[in-house]
Amino acid sequence: TAADNQPTVTIQVFEGERPMTKDNHVLGKFDLTGIPPAPRGVPQIEVTFEIDVNGILKVCYLV
């Protein structure tokens, strides 16, 4: 997290190879809510990406 006691994190998913995020294509975004109160940087959030044989992207997270 970027701030003390941050209850929510927005995850944005992009595709592309450009060095600047703004130059890539947004696939989607979602909010992770219910993060327990803690000093910034203490909550560790792991995000994983999987693409199935049909090209469907699955994004998972673990807090």
N, C-alpha and C. Protein backbone atom coordinates (compact mmCIF):
# COMPACT_ATOMS: atom_id res chain seq x y z
N THR A 1 0.84 -1.19 0.00
CA THR A 1 0.00 0.00 0.00
C THR A 1 0.88 1.24 0.00
N ALA A 2 0.33 2.34 -0.45
CA ALA A 2 1.09 3.59 -0.57
C ALA A 2 0.86 4.54 0.60
N ALA A 3 -0.19 4.30 1.40
CA ALA A 3 -0.52 5.20 2.50
C ALA A 3 -0.87 4.39 3.75
N ASP A 4 -0.68 5.01 4.91
CA ASP A 4 -1.08 4.37 6.17
C ASP A 4 -2.58 4.10 6.16
N ASN A 5 -2.98 2.95 6.67
CA ASN A 5 -4.39 2.57 6.83
C ASN A 5 -5.19 2.64 5.53
N GLN A 6 -4.56 2.35 4.43
CA GLN A 6 -5.21 2.40 3.12
C GLN A 6 -6.16 1.21 2.99
N PRO A 7 -7.49 1.45 2.87
CA PRO A 7 -8.45 0.35 2.84
C PRO A 7 -8.68 -0.25 1.46
N THR A 8 -8.26 0.46 0.40
CA THR A 8 -8.55 0.04 -0.97
C THR A 8 -7.34 0.28 -1.87
N VAL A 9 -7.13 -0.61 -2.82
CA VAL A 9 -6.10 -0.44 -3.85
C VAL A 9 -6.75 -0.68 -5.20
N THR A 10 -6.50 0.20 -6.16
CA THR A 10 -7.00 0.01 -7.51
C THR A 10 -5.92 -0.66 -8.35
N ILE A 11 -6.27 -1.78 -8.97
CA ILE A 11 -5.36 -2.51 -9.85
C ILE A 11 -5.81 -2.24 -11.29
N GLN A 12 -4.89 -1.72 -12.11
CA GLN A 12 -5.17 -1.50 -13.52
C GLN A 12 -4.33 -2.48 -14.33
N VAL A 13 -4.95 -3.10 -15.33
CA VAL A 13 -4.27 -4.10 -16.15
C VAL A 13 -4.13 -3.55 -17.57
N PHE A 14 -2.89 -3.54 -18.06
CA PHE A 14 -2.59 -3.01 -19.39
C PHE A 14 -1.94 -4.08 -20.24
N GLU A 15 -2.07 -3.93 -21.57
CA GLU A 15 -1.29 -4.75 -22.50
C GLU A 15 -0.52 -3.81 -23.41
N GLY A 16 0.67 -4.22 -23.78
CA GLY A 16 1.49 -3.43 -24.67
C GLY A 16 2.94 -3.47 -24.26
N GLU A 17 3.78 -2.94 -25.10
CA GLU A 17 5.22 -2.98 -24.86
C GLU A 17 5.83 -1.59 -24.79
N ARG A 18 5.02 -0.57 -24.80
CA ARG A 18 5.53 0.80 -24.75
C ARG A 18 6.04 1.10 -23.35
N PRO A 19 7.11 1.89 -23.22
CA PRO A 19 7.67 2.18 -21.90
C PRO A 19 6.74 3.02 -21.01
N MET A 20 5.89 3.84 -21.61
CA MET A 20 4.97 4.68 -20.84
C MET A 20 3.60 4.00 -20.77
N THR A 21 3.07 3.88 -19.57
CA THR A 21 1.77 3.22 -19.38
C THR A 21 0.70 3.85 -20.26
N LYS A 22 0.71 5.17 -20.36
CA LYS A 22 -0.33 5.87 -21.12
C LYS A 22 -0.37 5.48 -22.59
N ASP A 23 0.73 4.90 -23.08
CA ASP A 23 0.82 4.51 -24.49
C ASP A 23 0.40 3.06 -24.73
N ASN A 24 -0.03 2.37 -23.70
CA ASN A 24 -0.48 0.99 -23.81
C ASN A 24 -2.00 0.91 -23.69
N HIS A 25 -2.57 -0.24 -23.98
CA HIS A 25 -4.02 -0.44 -23.99
C HIS A 25 -4.51 -0.94 -22.63
N VAL A 26 -5.54 -0.28 -22.09
CA VAL A 26 -6.13 -0.70 -20.82
C VAL A 26 -7.06 -1.88 -21.07
N LEU A 27 -6.78 -3.00 -20.37
CA LEU A 27 -7.67 -4.16 -20.46
C LEU A 27 -8.79 -4.08 -19.44
N GLY A 28 -8.50 -3.45 -18.31
CA GLY A 28 -9.51 -3.31 -17.27
C GLY A 28 -8.90 -2.87 -15.96
N LYS A 29 -9.76 -2.64 -14.99
CA LYS A 29 -9.29 -2.29 -13.66
C LYS A 29 -10.30 -2.77 -12.64
N PHE A 30 -9.80 -2.98 -11.41
CA PHE A 30 -10.69 -3.39 -10.33
C PHE A 30 -10.12 -2.89 -9.01
N ASP A 31 -10.99 -2.78 -8.02
CA ASP A 31 -10.59 -2.32 -6.69
C ASP A 31 -10.50 -3.50 -5.73
N LEU A 32 -9.41 -3.55 -4.98
CA LEU A 32 -9.27 -4.49 -3.88
C LEU A 32 -9.72 -3.75 -2.64
N THR A 33 -10.74 -4.24 -1.98
CA THR A 33 -11.26 -3.57 -0.79
C THR A 33 -11.06 -4.44 0.44
N GLY A 34 -11.26 -3.85 1.60
CA GLY A 34 -11.17 -4.60 2.85
C GLY A 34 -9.76 -4.86 3.32
N ILE A 35 -8.81 -4.05 2.87
CA ILE A 35 -7.43 -4.22 3.34
C ILE A 35 -7.38 -3.80 4.80
N PRO A 36 -6.85 -4.64 5.69
CA PRO A 36 -6.83 -4.29 7.11
C PRO A 36 -5.94 -3.08 7.39
N PRO A 37 -6.30 -2.24 8.37
CA PRO A 37 -5.49 -1.07 8.70
C PRO A 37 -4.07 -1.47 9.09
N ALA A 38 -3.10 -0.77 8.50
CA ALA A 38 -1.69 -1.05 8.78
C ALA A 38 -0.86 0.10 8.23
N PRO A 39 0.38 0.24 8.70
CA PRO A 39 1.26 1.26 8.12
C PRO A 39 1.50 0.99 6.63
N ARG A 40 1.79 2.05 5.89
CA ARG A 40 2.02 1.88 4.45
C ARG A 40 3.14 0.88 4.20
N GLY A 41 2.98 0.09 3.18
CA GLY A 41 3.97 -0.90 2.81
C GLY A 41 3.88 -2.21 3.56
N VAL A 42 3.12 -2.25 4.65
CA VAL A 42 3.01 -3.49 5.43
C VAL A 42 2.09 -4.50 4.74
N PRO A 43 0.88 -4.11 4.32
CA PRO A 43 0.06 -5.08 3.60
C PRO A 43 0.74 -5.44 2.27
N GLN A 44 1.01 -6.70 2.08
CA GLN A 44 1.63 -7.17 0.84
C GLN A 44 0.54 -7.78 -0.04
N ILE A 45 0.44 -7.31 -1.27
CA ILE A 45 -0.59 -7.77 -2.20
C ILE A 45 0.11 -8.45 -3.38
N GLU A 46 -0.22 -9.71 -3.60
CA GLU A 46 0.36 -10.46 -4.71
C GLU A 46 -0.68 -10.59 -5.81
N VAL A 47 -0.33 -10.14 -7.01
CA VAL A 47 -1.23 -10.21 -8.16
C VAL A 47 -0.61 -11.17 -9.17
N THR A 48 -1.41 -12.13 -9.66
CA THR A 48 -0.94 -13.07 -10.67
C THR A 48 -1.81 -12.99 -11.92
N PHE A 49 -1.22 -13.30 -13.05
CA PHE A 49 -1.90 -13.26 -14.34
C PHE A 49 -1.77 -14.63 -14.99
N GLU A 50 -2.88 -15.12 -15.54
CA GLU A 50 -2.88 -16.39 -16.28
C GLU A 50 -3.65 -16.18 -17.58
N ILE A 51 -3.14 -16.75 -18.66
CA ILE A 51 -3.85 -16.73 -19.94
C ILE A 51 -4.13 -18.18 -20.33
N ASP A 52 -5.41 -18.50 -20.55
CA ASP A 52 -5.75 -19.89 -20.89
C ASP A 52 -5.56 -20.15 -22.39
N VAL A 53 -5.82 -21.37 -22.82
CA VAL A 53 -5.60 -21.75 -24.22
C VAL A 53 -6.47 -20.97 -25.19
N ASN A 54 -7.57 -20.38 -24.70
CA ASN A 54 -8.46 -19.58 -25.54
C ASN A 54 -8.09 -18.10 -25.53
N GLY A 55 -7.00 -17.75 -24.84
CA GLY A 55 -6.56 -16.36 -24.78
C GLY A 55 -7.30 -15.54 -23.75
N ILE A 56 -8.01 -16.18 -22.83
CA ILE A 56 -8.75 -15.48 -21.78
C ILE A 56 -7.79 -15.18 -20.63
N LEU A 57 -7.74 -13.91 -20.25
CA LEU A 57 -6.87 -13.47 -19.17
C LEU A 57 -7.60 -13.58 -17.84
N LYS A 58 -6.93 -14.18 -16.86
CA LYS A 58 -7.46 -14.29 -15.50
C LYS A 58 -6.48 -13.57 -14.58
N VAL A 59 -6.99 -12.63 -13.79
CA VAL A 59 -6.17 -11.89 -12.84
C VAL A 59 -6.64 -12.25 -11.44
N CYS A 60 -5.71 -12.69 -10.59
CA CYS A 60 -6.02 -13.07 -9.21
C CYS A 60 -5.14 -12.28 -8.26
N TYR A 61 -5.62 -12.14 -7.03
CA TYR A 61 -4.81 -11.44 -6.03
C TYR A 61 -4.91 -12.15 -4.70
N LEU A 62 -3.88 -11.92 -3.88
CA LEU A 62 -3.82 -12.46 -2.53
C LEU A 62 -3.31 -11.36 -1.62
N VAL A 63 -4.08 -11.04 -0.57
CA VAL A 63 -3.67 -10.00 0.38
C VAL A 63 -3.11 -10.67 1.60
